[in-house]
Amino acid sequence: MPNTRSAAKRMRSNEWRHAQNLGVRSELETRWKKLVALSQKKGEPNDGGLKERARILVSKLDKAAVHGVIPYGRADRKKARIAKLLSKK
């Protein structure tokens, strides 16, 4: 239990930020899984929007790293894996 008003406010803001960050991380993971699934499909005409989805995911990874939701290294690693997926297709 916090002892001061400022500590109480900090707890409330931390809870709110934690909830926001969970949502962002969940969205990133969902987009990653959908991108991998789409890249493994055979015979997709016009790559099924794979490049556009990859572009959006890279943008969201960068934004999450800038805001401190995920570390920069993790964002860079995911972006490298996305580039590897696209080069295979």
Protein backbone atom coordinates (compact mmCIF):
# COMPACT_ATOMS: atom_id res chain seq x y z
CA MET A 1 0.00 0.00 0.00
CA PRO A 2 1.41 3.41 -0.91
CA ASN A 3 2.26 5.82 1.89
CA THR A 4 1.92 9.10 -0.01
CA ARG A 5 -0.53 10.59 -2.48
CA SER A 6 2.14 10.71 -5.18
CA ALA A 7 2.93 7.03 -4.66
CA ALA A 8 -0.78 6.20 -4.95
CA LYS A 9 -1.02 8.14 -8.19
CA ARG A 10 2.11 6.42 -9.50
CA MET A 11 0.52 3.03 -8.79
CA ARG A 12 -2.62 4.01 -10.66
CA SER A 13 -0.70 5.30 -13.65
CA ASN A 14 1.52 2.20 -13.69
CA GLU A 15 -1.55 -0.06 -13.73
CA TRP A 16 -3.03 1.91 -16.63
CA ARG A 17 0.24 1.86 -18.61
CA HIS A 18 0.67 -1.86 -17.92
CA ALA A 19 -2.78 -2.55 -19.38
CA GLN A 20 -2.02 -0.41 -22.45
CA ASN A 21 1.32 -2.13 -23.01
CA LEU A 22 -0.25 -5.58 -22.75
CA GLY A 23 -2.64 -4.64 -25.53
CA VAL A 24 0.17 -3.41 -27.76
CA ARG A 25 2.27 -6.53 -27.16
CA SER A 26 -0.74 -8.74 -27.85
CA GLU A 27 -1.42 -6.94 -31.13
CA LEU A 28 2.23 -7.29 -32.18
CA GLU A 29 2.22 -11.02 -31.46
CA THR A 30 -1.08 -11.54 -33.31
CA ARG A 31 0.16 -9.63 -36.36
CA TRP A 32 3.43 -11.63 -36.30
CA LYS A 33 1.58 -14.98 -36.20
CA LYS A 34 -0.73 -13.95 -39.05
CA LEU A 35 2.23 -12.80 -41.14
CA VAL A 36 4.04 -16.11 -40.63
CA ALA A 37 0.89 -18.08 -41.45
CA LEU A 38 0.32 -16.04 -44.60
CA SER A 39 3.92 -16.46 -45.70
CA GLN A 40 3.67 -20.25 -45.43
CA LYS A 41 0.66 -20.51 -47.74
CA LYS A 42 1.51 -21.95 -51.13
CA GLY A 43 0.32 -20.54 -54.45
CA GLU A 44 -0.91 -17.18 -53.22
CA PRO A 45 -1.45 -14.84 -56.15
CA ASN A 46 0.07 -11.40 -55.57
CA ASP A 47 1.52 -12.60 -52.21
CA GLY A 48 -1.84 -11.99 -50.47
CA GLY A 49 -0.87 -8.59 -49.13
CA LEU A 50 2.19 -10.00 -47.39
CA LYS A 51 4.38 -6.97 -48.09
CA GLU A 52 1.75 -4.54 -46.89
CA ARG A 53 1.20 -6.52 -43.67
CA ALA A 54 4.94 -6.67 -43.13
CA ARG A 55 5.25 -2.91 -43.62
CA ILE A 56 2.54 -2.26 -41.04
CA LEU A 57 4.10 -4.68 -38.56
CA VAL A 58 7.54 -3.08 -38.93
CA SER A 59 5.99 0.31 -38.29
CA LYS A 60 4.20 -0.93 -35.18
CA LEU A 61 7.38 -2.59 -33.91
CA ASP A 62 9.30 0.67 -34.30
CA LYS A 63 6.57 2.62 -32.54
CA ALA A 64 6.43 0.13 -29.67
CA ALA A 65 10.21 0.32 -29.23
CA VAL A 66 10.24 4.12 -29.24
CA HIS A 67 7.54 4.20 -26.57
CA GLY A 68 9.36 1.65 -24.43
CA VAL A 69 6.79 -1.12 -24.74
CA ILE A 70 9.43 -3.51 -26.09
CA PRO A 71 13.24 -3.22 -26.18
CA TYR A 72 14.93 -1.90 -29.32
CA GLY A 73 16.83 -5.17 -29.73
CA ARG A 74 13.65 -7.21 -29.82
CA ALA A 75 12.14 -4.88 -32.43
CA ASP A 76 15.29 -5.13 -34.55
CA ARG A 77 15.34 -8.92 -34.27
CA LYS A 78 11.68 -9.20 -35.32
CA LYS A 79 12.28 -6.83 -38.25
CA ALA A 80 15.22 -8.97 -39.40
CA ARG A 81 13.01 -12.05 -39.26
CA ILE A 82 10.33 -10.26 -41.26
CA ALA A 83 12.90 -9.36 -43.92
CA LYS A 84 14.02 -12.98 -44.01
CA LEU A 85 10.40 -14.12 -44.50
CA LEU A 86 9.91 -11.69 -47.36
CA SER A 87 13.13 -12.71 -49.08
CA LYS A 88 12.01 -16.36 -49.11
CA LYS A 89 8.66 -15.56 -50.71
